[in-house]
């Protein structure tokens, strides 16, 4: 249980770390639309909102889970699996970026085959489309977040089940111990009472 708890906390921290650059990069795309009073594309807005809410949820539950584990275990599992669905929706809506080529490389290499010459470029050069690269990175990180939230969903439910089992186990032993003490006290009292009656007679 201790290992699972530490793993849950570690993945929660990782979720927060991964969500921050997603929010930053998607916010860079959303900002021009807001400044120009234009409608943000639904696909972009969906992924942006999901990343903000997921980060806030991860921060809150990271601090509250161990304090209220008996109550929040099922709630965290349900909300986390809901975020898995939300991440999947955002990833699917922006799936077109997966085939985008955001960089190009030119190498001065020439190959002659017969009378034909094939060249890879006239000089060394590399170019990266910043907007394309940022959005593709956000999309890839969103896939990672989707997987991480699925893991924390399973871990929170597992920890809740373990906690409830240990609580019932301890409570059961406490009842047995209390019952045995009461039985012992009753038999001692009965024995003492019988001795007292014999002495009186």
N, C-alpha and C. Protein backbone atom coordinates (compact mmCIF):
# COMPACT_ATOMS: atom_id res chain seq x y z
N UNK A 1 0.82 -1.20 0.00
CA UNK A 1 0.00 0.00 0.00
C UNK A 1 0.86 1.26 0.00
N UNK A 2 1.96 1.20 0.74
CA UNK A 2 2.87 2.36 0.79
C UNK A 2 3.46 2.63 -0.58
N UNK A 3 3.85 1.57 -1.28
CA UNK A 3 4.41 1.72 -2.62
C UNK A 3 3.38 2.30 -3.59
N UNK A 4 2.15 1.82 -3.52
CA UNK A 4 1.09 2.32 -4.40
C UNK A 4 0.79 3.78 -4.10
N UNK A 5 0.81 4.14 -2.82
CA UNK A 5 0.57 5.53 -2.44
C UNK A 5 1.66 6.45 -2.96
N UNK A 6 2.92 6.01 -2.85
CA UNK A 6 4.04 6.80 -3.36
C UNK A 6 3.97 6.91 -4.88
N UNK A 7 3.57 5.82 -5.53
CA UNK A 7 3.44 5.83 -6.99
C UNK A 7 2.34 6.79 -7.43
N UNK A 8 1.22 6.78 -6.70
CA UNK A 8 0.12 7.70 -7.01
C UNK A 8 0.59 9.15 -6.91
N UNK A 9 1.28 9.47 -5.82
CA UNK A 9 1.76 10.84 -5.62
C UNK A 9 2.76 11.24 -6.70
N UNK A 10 3.65 10.30 -7.07
CA UNK A 10 4.64 10.59 -8.10
C UNK A 10 4.00 10.86 -9.45
N UNK A 11 2.99 10.07 -9.81
CA UNK A 11 2.32 10.26 -11.09
C UNK A 11 1.52 11.56 -11.08
N UNK A 12 0.93 11.90 -9.92
CA UNK A 12 0.20 13.17 -9.82
C UNK A 12 1.14 14.35 -10.08
N UNK A 13 2.33 14.31 -9.50
CA UNK A 13 3.31 15.38 -9.73
C UNK A 13 3.69 15.43 -11.21
N UNK A 14 3.87 14.27 -11.82
CA UNK A 14 4.21 14.21 -13.24
C UNK A 14 3.09 14.78 -14.10
N UNK A 15 1.84 14.51 -13.71
CA UNK A 15 0.71 15.08 -14.44
C UNK A 15 0.73 16.61 -14.41
N UNK A 16 1.05 17.16 -13.27
CA UNK A 16 1.12 18.62 -13.14
C UNK A 16 2.25 19.19 -13.99
N UNK A 17 3.41 18.51 -13.95
CA UNK A 17 4.57 18.98 -14.71
C UNK A 17 4.28 18.95 -16.22
N UNK A 18 3.63 17.89 -16.68
CA UNK A 18 3.33 17.75 -18.10
C UNK A 18 2.24 18.73 -18.53
N UNK A 19 1.28 18.99 -17.65
CA UNK A 19 0.16 19.88 -18.00
C UNK A 19 0.59 21.33 -18.16
N UNK A 20 1.59 21.75 -17.41
CA UNK A 20 2.02 23.16 -17.46
C UNK A 20 2.48 23.59 -18.86
N UNK A 21 3.37 22.86 -19.53
CA UNK A 21 3.74 23.29 -20.89
C UNK A 21 2.58 23.18 -21.89
N UNK A 22 1.67 22.24 -21.68
CA UNK A 22 0.50 22.16 -22.56
C UNK A 22 -0.33 23.43 -22.45
N UNK A 23 -0.58 23.85 -21.21
CA UNK A 23 -1.35 25.08 -20.98
C UNK A 23 -0.64 26.28 -21.58
N UNK A 24 0.68 26.35 -21.38
CA UNK A 24 1.45 27.49 -21.90
C UNK A 24 1.42 27.57 -23.41
N UNK A 25 1.65 26.44 -24.08
CA UNK A 25 1.68 26.45 -25.54
C UNK A 25 0.31 26.67 -26.16
N UNK A 26 -0.72 26.02 -25.61
CA UNK A 26 -2.06 26.22 -26.13
C UNK A 26 -2.57 27.62 -25.82
N UNK A 27 -2.15 28.14 -24.68
CA UNK A 27 -2.52 29.53 -24.35
C UNK A 27 -1.94 30.51 -25.35
N UNK A 28 -0.77 30.21 -25.87
CA UNK A 28 -0.13 31.06 -26.89
C UNK A 28 -0.97 31.08 -28.17
N UNK A 29 -1.62 29.96 -28.48
CA UNK A 29 -2.50 29.89 -29.65
C UNK A 29 -3.84 30.58 -29.39
N UNK A 30 -4.35 30.44 -28.17
CA UNK A 30 -5.67 30.99 -27.84
C UNK A 30 -5.63 32.51 -27.72
N UNK A 31 -4.52 33.05 -27.23
CA UNK A 31 -4.43 34.47 -26.93
C UNK A 31 -4.77 35.39 -28.13
N UNK A 32 -4.26 35.15 -29.33
CA UNK A 32 -4.61 36.03 -30.46
C UNK A 32 -6.11 36.06 -30.75
N UNK A 33 -6.78 34.94 -30.60
CA UNK A 33 -8.23 34.90 -30.83
C UNK A 33 -8.95 35.76 -29.80
N UNK A 34 -8.50 35.67 -28.55
CA UNK A 34 -9.13 36.45 -27.48
C UNK A 34 -8.90 37.94 -27.69
N UNK A 35 -7.67 38.31 -28.03
CA UNK A 35 -7.35 39.73 -28.23
C UNK A 35 -8.13 40.33 -29.39
N UNK A 36 -8.40 39.56 -30.41
CA UNK A 36 -9.13 40.04 -31.59
C UNK A 36 -10.63 39.77 -31.52
N UNK A 37 -11.09 39.33 -30.34
CA UNK A 37 -12.51 39.02 -30.13
C UNK A 37 -13.04 38.04 -31.18
N UNK A 38 -12.23 37.05 -31.48
CA UNK A 38 -12.62 36.02 -32.43
C UNK A 38 -12.92 34.72 -31.69
N UNK A 39 -13.73 33.89 -32.31
CA UNK A 39 -14.08 32.62 -31.69
C UNK A 39 -12.93 31.63 -31.82
N UNK A 40 -12.56 31.05 -30.69
CA UNK A 40 -11.48 30.05 -30.68
C UNK A 40 -12.00 28.76 -31.30
N UNK A 41 -11.25 28.13 -32.20
CA UNK A 41 -11.69 26.85 -32.78
C UNK A 41 -12.01 25.83 -31.70
N UNK A 42 -13.08 25.08 -31.92
CA UNK A 42 -13.56 24.14 -30.90
C UNK A 42 -12.50 23.11 -30.52
N UNK A 43 -11.77 22.61 -31.49
CA UNK A 43 -10.76 21.59 -31.21
C UNK A 43 -9.67 22.14 -30.30
N UNK A 44 -9.20 23.33 -30.60
CA UNK A 44 -8.17 23.96 -29.79
C UNK A 44 -8.69 24.29 -28.41
N UNK A 45 -9.90 24.85 -28.35
CA UNK A 45 -10.48 25.25 -27.07
C UNK A 45 -10.72 24.04 -26.17
N UNK A 46 -11.16 22.93 -26.74
CA UNK A 46 -11.41 21.73 -25.96
C UNK A 46 -10.15 21.24 -25.26
N UNK A 47 -9.07 21.14 -26.02
CA UNK A 47 -7.81 20.66 -25.45
C UNK A 47 -7.26 21.63 -24.42
N UNK A 48 -7.45 22.92 -24.65
CA UNK A 48 -6.96 23.95 -23.72
C UNK A 48 -7.71 23.88 -22.40
N UNK A 49 -9.03 23.78 -22.45
CA UNK A 49 -9.84 23.72 -21.23
C UNK A 49 -9.56 22.44 -20.45
N UNK A 50 -9.46 21.34 -21.16
CA UNK A 50 -9.18 20.05 -20.50
C UNK A 50 -7.84 20.11 -19.76
N UNK A 51 -6.83 20.70 -20.39
CA UNK A 51 -5.51 20.78 -19.76
C UNK A 51 -5.54 21.64 -18.49
N UNK A 52 -6.29 22.74 -18.52
CA UNK A 52 -6.39 23.60 -17.34
C UNK A 52 -7.10 22.89 -16.20
N UNK A 53 -8.26 22.30 -16.49
CA UNK A 53 -9.03 21.61 -15.47
C UNK A 53 -8.28 20.41 -14.91
N UNK A 54 -7.61 19.68 -15.78
CA UNK A 54 -6.86 18.49 -15.34
C UNK A 54 -5.70 18.90 -14.42
N UNK A 55 -5.03 19.98 -14.74
CA UNK A 55 -3.92 20.44 -13.90
C UNK A 55 -4.44 20.87 -12.53
N UNK A 56 -5.55 21.63 -12.51
CA UNK A 56 -6.13 22.07 -11.24
C UNK A 56 -6.58 20.88 -10.39
N UNK A 57 -7.20 19.91 -11.03
CA UNK A 57 -7.66 18.71 -10.32
C UNK A 57 -6.48 17.93 -9.75
N UNK A 58 -5.41 17.81 -10.52
CA UNK A 58 -4.24 17.07 -10.06
C UNK A 58 -3.61 17.76 -8.84
N UNK A 59 -3.58 19.08 -8.85
CA UNK A 59 -2.99 19.83 -7.72
C UNK A 59 -3.83 19.63 -6.47
N UNK A 60 -5.15 19.78 -6.58
CA UNK A 60 -6.04 19.65 -5.42
C UNK A 60 -5.97 18.25 -4.84
N UNK A 61 -6.09 17.24 -5.67
CA UNK A 61 -6.11 15.87 -5.17
C UNK A 61 -4.75 15.40 -4.66
N UNK A 62 -3.70 16.00 -5.14
CA UNK A 62 -2.37 15.64 -4.63
C UNK A 62 -2.26 15.98 -3.15
N UNK A 63 -2.85 17.11 -2.74
CA UNK A 63 -2.78 17.53 -1.34
C UNK A 63 -3.88 16.93 -0.48
N UNK A 64 -5.02 16.58 -1.05
CA UNK A 64 -6.16 16.14 -0.27
C UNK A 64 -6.35 14.63 -0.21
N UNK A 65 -5.73 13.90 -1.10
CA UNK A 65 -6.01 12.46 -1.20
C UNK A 65 -5.67 11.72 0.09
N UNK A 66 -4.49 11.94 0.64
CA UNK A 66 -4.06 11.19 1.81
C UNK A 66 -4.83 11.60 3.07
N UNK A 67 -5.37 12.81 3.08
CA UNK A 67 -6.11 13.28 4.24
C UNK A 67 -7.52 12.71 4.28
N UNK A 68 -8.16 12.60 3.12
CA UNK A 68 -9.54 12.13 3.07
C UNK A 68 -9.66 10.89 2.17
N UNK A 69 -8.73 9.95 2.32
CA UNK A 69 -8.68 8.79 1.44
C UNK A 69 -9.94 7.95 1.52
N UNK A 70 -10.55 7.85 2.72
CA UNK A 70 -11.72 7.01 2.86
C UNK A 70 -12.92 7.55 2.09
N UNK A 71 -12.96 8.88 1.86
CA UNK A 71 -14.09 9.48 1.17
C UNK A 71 -13.79 9.78 -0.30
N UNK A 72 -12.55 10.15 -0.60
CA UNK A 72 -12.24 10.65 -1.94
C UNK A 72 -11.74 9.58 -2.91
N UNK A 73 -11.45 8.38 -2.43
CA UNK A 73 -10.94 7.34 -3.32
C UNK A 73 -11.83 7.08 -4.53
N UNK A 74 -13.11 6.74 -4.31
CA UNK A 74 -14.00 6.52 -5.45
C UNK A 74 -14.21 7.78 -6.29
N UNK A 75 -14.30 8.94 -5.63
CA UNK A 75 -14.50 10.19 -6.35
C UNK A 75 -13.34 10.48 -7.29
N UNK A 76 -12.12 10.30 -6.80
CA UNK A 76 -10.94 10.54 -7.63
C UNK A 76 -10.92 9.57 -8.81
N UNK A 77 -11.25 8.33 -8.57
CA UNK A 77 -11.26 7.33 -9.65
C UNK A 77 -12.26 7.72 -10.73
N UNK A 78 -13.45 8.17 -10.32
CA UNK A 78 -14.49 8.54 -11.28
C UNK A 78 -14.09 9.77 -12.07
N UNK A 79 -13.59 10.79 -11.38
CA UNK A 79 -13.20 12.03 -12.07
C UNK A 79 -12.01 11.79 -12.98
N UNK A 80 -11.06 10.97 -12.53
CA UNK A 80 -9.88 10.69 -13.36
C UNK A 80 -10.27 9.97 -14.65
N UNK A 81 -11.18 9.01 -14.55
CA UNK A 81 -11.60 8.30 -15.77
C UNK A 81 -12.40 9.23 -16.67
N UNK A 82 -13.09 10.22 -16.07
CA UNK A 82 -13.78 11.22 -16.88
C UNK A 82 -12.77 12.09 -17.63
N UNK A 83 -11.66 12.41 -16.97
CA UNK A 83 -10.60 13.17 -17.63
C UNK A 83 -9.94 12.36 -18.74
N UNK A 84 -9.84 11.05 -18.56
CA UNK A 84 -9.32 10.20 -19.64
C UNK A 84 -10.18 10.37 -20.88
N UNK A 85 -11.50 10.34 -20.68
CA UNK A 85 -12.40 10.55 -21.80
C UNK A 85 -12.27 11.93 -22.42
N UNK A 86 -12.09 12.94 -21.57
CA UNK A 86 -11.93 14.30 -22.07
C UNK A 86 -10.64 14.46 -22.87
N UNK A 87 -9.56 13.85 -22.37
CA UNK A 87 -8.29 13.90 -23.11
C UNK A 87 -8.43 13.21 -24.46
N UNK A 88 -9.11 12.07 -24.46
CA UNK A 88 -9.30 11.35 -25.72
C UNK A 88 -10.07 12.20 -26.72
N UNK A 89 -11.10 12.91 -26.23
CA UNK A 89 -11.89 13.77 -27.11
C UNK A 89 -11.02 14.88 -27.70
N UNK A 90 -10.22 15.52 -26.84
CA UNK A 90 -9.34 16.59 -27.33
C UNK A 90 -8.30 16.08 -28.31
N UNK A 91 -7.74 14.92 -28.02
CA UNK A 91 -6.73 14.32 -28.91
C UNK A 91 -7.35 13.96 -30.26
N UNK A 92 -8.55 13.41 -30.21
CA UNK A 92 -9.22 13.01 -31.45
C UNK A 92 -9.56 14.23 -32.32
N UNK A 93 -10.05 15.29 -31.69
CA UNK A 93 -10.42 16.49 -32.44
C UNK A 93 -9.22 17.15 -33.12
N UNK A 94 -8.05 16.96 -32.55
CA UNK A 94 -6.83 17.56 -33.11
C UNK A 94 -5.92 16.53 -33.76
N UNK A 95 -6.49 15.41 -34.15
CA UNK A 95 -5.68 14.31 -34.69
C UNK A 95 -4.98 14.66 -36.00
N UNK A 96 -5.45 15.69 -36.71
CA UNK A 96 -4.85 16.06 -37.99
C UNK A 96 -3.39 16.48 -37.86
N UNK A 97 -3.00 16.97 -36.67
CA UNK A 97 -1.63 17.45 -36.48
C UNK A 97 -0.63 16.30 -36.46
N UNK A 98 -1.11 15.08 -36.27
CA UNK A 98 -0.19 13.94 -36.15
C UNK A 98 0.58 13.69 -37.44
N UNK A 99 0.00 14.04 -38.58
CA UNK A 99 0.67 13.81 -39.87
C UNK A 99 1.44 15.02 -40.36
N UNK A 100 1.43 16.08 -39.58
CA UNK A 100 2.10 17.32 -40.03
C UNK A 100 3.62 17.18 -39.93
N UNK A 101 4.31 17.70 -40.94
CA UNK A 101 5.78 17.72 -40.93
C UNK A 101 6.22 19.13 -40.54
N UNK A 102 6.69 19.27 -39.32
CA UNK A 102 6.97 20.60 -38.77
C UNK A 102 8.41 21.05 -38.99
N UNK A 103 9.24 20.25 -39.61
CA UNK A 103 10.63 20.62 -39.80
C UNK A 103 11.12 20.12 -41.16
N UNK A 104 12.14 20.77 -41.65
CA UNK A 104 12.75 20.35 -42.92
C UNK A 104 14.26 20.48 -42.81
N UNK A 105 14.96 19.60 -43.49
CA UNK A 105 16.42 19.56 -43.45
C UNK A 105 16.98 19.45 -44.86
N UNK A 106 17.90 20.34 -45.19
CA UNK A 106 18.55 20.31 -46.50
C UNK A 106 20.02 19.94 -46.32
N UNK A 107 20.47 18.92 -47.07
CA UNK A 107 21.85 18.44 -46.96
C UNK A 107 22.49 18.46 -48.35
N UNK A 108 23.69 19.05 -48.46
CA UNK A 108 24.35 19.13 -49.77
C UNK A 108 24.95 17.78 -50.20
N UNK A 109 24.07 16.87 -50.57
CA UNK A 109 24.50 15.54 -51.00
C UNK A 109 23.98 15.29 -52.41
N UNK A 110 24.86 14.85 -53.26
CA UNK A 110 24.47 14.56 -54.63
C UNK A 110 24.82 13.13 -55.01
N UNK A 111 23.92 12.49 -55.69
CA UNK A 111 24.15 11.12 -56.13
C UNK A 111 23.92 11.06 -57.63
N UNK A 112 24.89 10.52 -58.35
CA UNK A 112 24.77 10.42 -59.80
C UNK A 112 24.55 8.97 -60.20
N UNK A 113 23.45 8.75 -60.89
CA UNK A 113 23.12 7.42 -61.38
C UNK A 113 23.01 7.51 -62.90
N UNK A 114 24.00 6.98 -63.57
CA UNK A 114 24.03 7.11 -65.03
C UNK A 114 24.24 8.55 -65.43
N UNK A 115 23.37 9.06 -66.24
CA UNK A 115 23.46 10.46 -66.66
C UNK A 115 22.64 11.39 -65.78
N UNK A 116 21.94 10.84 -64.80
CA UNK A 116 21.08 11.66 -63.93
C UNK A 116 21.76 11.92 -62.59
N UNK A 117 21.59 13.14 -62.06
CA UNK A 117 22.14 13.53 -60.76
C UNK A 117 20.99 13.88 -59.83
N UNK A 118 21.00 13.28 -58.64
CA UNK A 118 19.97 13.55 -57.64
C UNK A 118 20.63 14.25 -56.46
N UNK A 119 20.07 15.39 -56.06
CA UNK A 119 20.66 16.20 -55.00
C UNK A 119 19.68 16.34 -53.84
N UNK A 120 20.23 16.26 -52.64
CA UNK A 120 19.41 16.46 -51.45
C UNK A 120 19.33 17.91 -51.05
N UNK A 121 20.04 18.78 -51.68
CA UNK A 121 20.03 20.20 -51.37
C UNK A 121 21.32 20.84 -51.80
N UNK A 122 21.30 22.16 -51.86
CA UNK A 122 22.49 22.89 -52.29
C UNK A 122 23.39 23.28 -51.13
N UNK A 123 22.84 23.26 -49.90
CA UNK A 123 23.63 23.64 -48.72
C UNK A 123 23.00 23.04 -47.47
N UNK A 124 23.77 23.15 -46.35
CA UNK A 124 23.24 22.68 -45.08
C UNK A 124 22.23 23.70 -44.55
N UNK A 125 21.02 23.25 -44.24
CA UNK A 125 20.01 24.15 -43.66
C UNK A 125 18.93 23.34 -42.97
N UNK A 126 18.39 23.93 -41.96
CA UNK A 126 17.29 23.29 -41.22
C UNK A 126 16.29 24.36 -40.83
N UNK A 127 15.04 24.04 -40.94
CA UNK A 127 13.99 24.99 -40.57
C UNK A 127 12.90 24.26 -39.80
N UNK A 128 12.33 24.96 -38.82
CA UNK A 128 11.27 24.40 -37.98
C UNK A 128 10.10 25.38 -37.97
N UNK A 129 8.95 24.88 -38.27
CA UNK A 129 7.73 25.68 -38.19
C UNK A 129 7.30 25.75 -36.73
N UNK A 130 7.49 26.92 -36.12
CA UNK A 130 7.26 27.06 -34.69
C UNK A 130 5.82 26.72 -34.29
N UNK A 131 4.85 27.25 -35.01
CA UNK A 131 3.45 27.02 -34.67
C UNK A 131 3.12 25.53 -34.78
N UNK A 132 3.58 24.92 -35.84
CA UNK A 132 3.32 23.49 -36.05
C UNK A 132 3.98 22.65 -34.96
N UNK A 133 5.23 22.97 -34.65
CA UNK A 133 5.97 22.20 -33.64
C UNK A 133 5.34 22.33 -32.26
N UNK A 134 4.91 23.53 -31.90
CA UNK A 134 4.31 23.74 -30.58
C UNK A 134 2.99 22.99 -30.45
N UNK A 135 2.18 23.06 -31.50
CA UNK A 135 0.88 22.40 -31.41
C UNK A 135 1.04 20.88 -31.42
N UNK A 136 1.99 20.39 -32.19
CA UNK A 136 2.22 18.95 -32.23
C UNK A 136 2.77 18.46 -30.89
N UNK A 137 3.63 19.26 -30.26
CA UNK A 137 4.15 18.91 -28.94
C UNK A 137 3.03 18.87 -27.91
N UNK A 138 2.12 19.83 -27.98
CA UNK A 138 0.97 19.86 -27.06
C UNK A 138 0.10 18.62 -27.25
N UNK A 139 -0.09 18.24 -28.49
CA UNK A 139 -0.90 17.07 -28.81
C UNK A 139 -0.24 15.78 -28.29
N UNK A 140 1.07 15.67 -28.46
CA UNK A 140 1.80 14.49 -27.97
C UNK A 140 1.79 14.43 -26.44
N UNK A 141 1.96 15.57 -25.78
CA UNK A 141 1.93 15.59 -24.32
C UNK A 141 0.53 15.26 -23.79
N UNK A 142 -0.49 15.60 -24.55
CA UNK A 142 -1.86 15.28 -24.16
C UNK A 142 -2.08 13.77 -24.14
N UNK A 143 -1.45 13.08 -25.07
CA UNK A 143 -1.54 11.62 -25.08
C UNK A 143 -0.91 11.04 -23.82
N UNK A 144 0.23 11.61 -23.42
CA UNK A 144 0.90 11.17 -22.20
C UNK A 144 0.01 11.41 -20.98
N UNK A 145 -0.64 12.58 -20.94
CA UNK A 145 -1.54 12.90 -19.83
C UNK A 145 -2.71 11.92 -19.77
N UNK A 146 -3.23 11.56 -20.91
CA UNK A 146 -4.34 10.61 -20.97
C UNK A 146 -3.93 9.28 -20.32
N UNK A 147 -2.76 8.81 -20.63
CA UNK A 147 -2.26 7.56 -20.07
C UNK A 147 -2.02 7.69 -18.56
N UNK A 148 -1.46 8.82 -18.13
CA UNK A 148 -1.17 9.03 -16.71
C UNK A 148 -2.46 9.09 -15.89
N UNK A 149 -3.48 9.74 -16.41
CA UNK A 149 -4.75 9.82 -15.67
C UNK A 149 -5.43 8.45 -15.58
N UNK A 150 -5.22 7.62 -16.56
CA UNK A 150 -5.76 6.26 -16.48
C UNK A 150 -5.08 5.48 -15.36
N UNK A 151 -3.76 5.67 -15.21
CA UNK A 151 -3.03 5.00 -14.14
C UNK A 151 -3.48 5.48 -12.77
N UNK A 152 -3.65 6.80 -12.59
CA UNK A 152 -4.07 7.31 -11.28
C UNK A 152 -5.50 6.90 -10.95
N UNK A 153 -6.32 6.71 -11.97
CA UNK A 153 -7.67 6.19 -11.73
C UNK A 153 -7.59 4.80 -11.11
N UNK A 154 -6.79 3.94 -11.68
CA UNK A 154 -6.63 2.58 -11.16
C UNK A 154 -6.00 2.59 -9.77
N UNK A 155 -4.98 3.42 -9.59
CA UNK A 155 -4.28 3.47 -8.31
C UNK A 155 -5.16 4.00 -7.19
N UNK A 156 -5.94 5.04 -7.46
CA UNK A 156 -6.80 5.61 -6.42
C UNK A 156 -7.85 4.60 -5.96
N UNK A 157 -8.40 3.84 -6.90
CA UNK A 157 -9.38 2.83 -6.52
C UNK A 157 -8.71 1.69 -5.75
N UNK A 158 -7.53 1.28 -6.18
CA UNK A 158 -6.80 0.22 -5.48
C UNK A 158 -6.45 0.64 -4.06
N UNK A 159 -5.99 1.88 -3.89
CA UNK A 159 -5.64 2.37 -2.57
C UNK A 159 -6.87 2.48 -1.68
N UNK A 160 -7.98 2.89 -2.25
CA UNK A 160 -9.22 2.99 -1.48
C UNK A 160 -9.65 1.60 -0.99
N UNK A 161 -9.59 0.60 -1.88
CA UNK A 161 -9.96 -0.76 -1.49
C UNK A 161 -9.04 -1.28 -0.39
N UNK A 162 -7.75 -1.02 -0.52
CA UNK A 162 -6.79 -1.46 0.49
C UNK A 162 -7.04 -0.78 1.83
N UNK A 163 -7.35 0.52 1.77
CA UNK A 163 -7.61 1.28 2.99
C UNK A 163 -8.85 0.76 3.70
N UNK A 164 -9.91 0.50 2.94
CA UNK A 164 -11.15 -0.01 3.52
C UNK A 164 -10.93 -1.41 4.13
N UNK A 165 -10.15 -2.23 3.45
CA UNK A 165 -9.86 -3.58 3.96
C UNK A 165 -9.10 -3.50 5.28
N UNK A 166 -8.08 -2.65 5.33
CA UNK A 166 -7.30 -2.52 6.56
C UNK A 166 -8.15 -1.97 7.69
N UNK A 167 -9.03 -1.02 7.36
CA UNK A 167 -9.89 -0.44 8.38
C UNK A 167 -10.82 -1.48 8.97
N UNK A 168 -11.46 -2.29 8.11
CA UNK A 168 -12.35 -3.35 8.59
C UNK A 168 -11.57 -4.40 9.37
N UNK A 169 -10.36 -4.72 8.93
CA UNK A 169 -9.54 -5.72 9.60
C UNK A 169 -9.17 -5.27 11.01
N UNK A 170 -8.75 -4.00 11.14
CA UNK A 170 -8.40 -3.46 12.45
C UNK A 170 -9.62 -3.38 13.35
N UNK A 171 -10.76 -2.96 12.79
CA UNK A 171 -11.99 -2.84 13.57
C UNK A 171 -12.45 -4.22 14.06
N UNK A 172 -12.30 -5.24 13.22
CA UNK A 172 -12.69 -6.60 13.59
C UNK A 172 -11.83 -7.11 14.74
N UNK A 173 -10.54 -6.89 14.67
CA UNK A 173 -9.64 -7.33 15.74
C UNK A 173 -9.92 -6.57 17.03
N UNK A 174 -10.28 -5.29 16.89
CA UNK A 174 -10.59 -4.49 18.08
C UNK A 174 -11.83 -5.02 18.78
N UNK A 175 -12.85 -5.42 17.99
CA UNK A 175 -14.06 -5.97 18.58
C UNK A 175 -13.77 -7.30 19.26
N UNK A 176 -12.94 -8.13 18.64
CA UNK A 176 -12.59 -9.42 19.26
C UNK A 176 -11.84 -9.20 20.56
N UNK A 177 -10.91 -8.23 20.54
CA UNK A 177 -10.12 -7.95 21.74
C UNK A 177 -11.01 -7.42 22.86
N UNK A 178 -11.92 -6.51 22.50
CA UNK A 178 -12.83 -5.94 23.50
C UNK A 178 -13.75 -7.00 24.06
N UNK A 179 -14.24 -7.88 23.17
CA UNK A 179 -15.12 -8.95 23.62
C UNK A 179 -14.42 -9.93 24.55
N UNK A 180 -13.18 -10.25 24.25
CA UNK A 180 -12.43 -11.17 25.11
C UNK A 180 -12.16 -10.57 26.46
N UNK A 181 -11.91 -9.25 26.48
CA UNK A 181 -11.67 -8.58 27.76
C UNK A 181 -12.93 -8.58 28.60
N UNK A 182 -14.06 -8.33 27.94
CA UNK A 182 -15.32 -8.34 28.68
C UNK A 182 -15.64 -9.73 29.21
N UNK A 183 -15.39 -10.74 28.43
CA UNK A 183 -15.63 -12.12 28.86
C UNK A 183 -14.75 -12.48 30.05
N UNK A 184 -13.49 -12.04 29.97
CA UNK A 184 -12.57 -12.31 31.07
C UNK A 184 -12.99 -11.62 32.33
N UNK A 185 -13.46 -10.39 32.21
CA UNK A 185 -13.90 -9.63 33.38
C UNK A 185 -15.13 -10.26 34.00
N UNK A 186 -16.06 -10.76 33.15
CA UNK A 186 -17.29 -11.38 33.66
C UNK A 186 -16.98 -12.66 34.41
N UNK A 187 -16.08 -13.51 33.84
CA UNK A 187 -15.75 -14.77 34.50
C UNK A 187 -15.03 -14.52 35.80
N UNK A 188 -14.18 -13.50 35.86
CA UNK A 188 -13.47 -13.17 37.10
C UNK A 188 -14.44 -12.73 38.17
N UNK A 189 -15.43 -11.90 37.72
CA UNK A 189 -16.43 -11.41 38.67
C UNK A 189 -17.28 -12.57 39.19
N UNK A 190 -17.65 -13.52 38.30
CA UNK A 190 -18.47 -14.65 38.70
C UNK A 190 -17.72 -15.54 39.69
N UNK A 191 -16.44 -15.79 39.42
CA UNK A 191 -15.63 -16.62 40.32
C UNK A 191 -15.50 -15.96 41.69
N UNK A 192 -15.25 -14.67 41.71
CA UNK A 192 -15.11 -13.93 42.96
C UNK A 192 -16.43 -13.95 43.72
N UNK A 193 -17.55 -13.82 43.00
CA UNK A 193 -18.85 -13.79 43.65
C UNK A 193 -19.17 -15.15 44.28
N UNK A 194 -18.81 -16.25 43.61
CA UNK A 194 -19.05 -17.57 44.16
C UNK A 194 -18.20 -17.81 45.41
N UNK A 195 -16.92 -17.41 45.37
CA UNK A 195 -16.07 -17.55 46.54
C UNK A 195 -16.61 -16.77 47.71
N UNK A 196 -17.15 -15.60 47.43
CA UNK A 196 -17.66 -14.75 48.51
C UNK A 196 -18.89 -15.41 49.15
N UNK A 197 -19.75 -16.03 48.34
CA UNK A 197 -20.93 -16.69 48.86
C UNK A 197 -20.55 -17.90 49.71
N UNK A 198 -19.57 -18.68 49.27
CA UNK A 198 -19.14 -19.83 50.06
C UNK A 198 -18.55 -19.41 51.40
N UNK A 199 -17.80 -18.33 51.37
CA UNK A 199 -17.20 -17.84 52.62
C UNK A 199 -18.26 -17.38 53.58
N UNK A 200 -19.32 -16.78 53.10
CA UNK A 200 -20.40 -16.27 53.93
C UNK A 200 -21.19 -17.41 54.56
N UNK A 201 -21.37 -18.47 53.83
CA UNK A 201 -22.10 -19.62 54.37
C UNK A 201 -21.27 -20.30 55.46
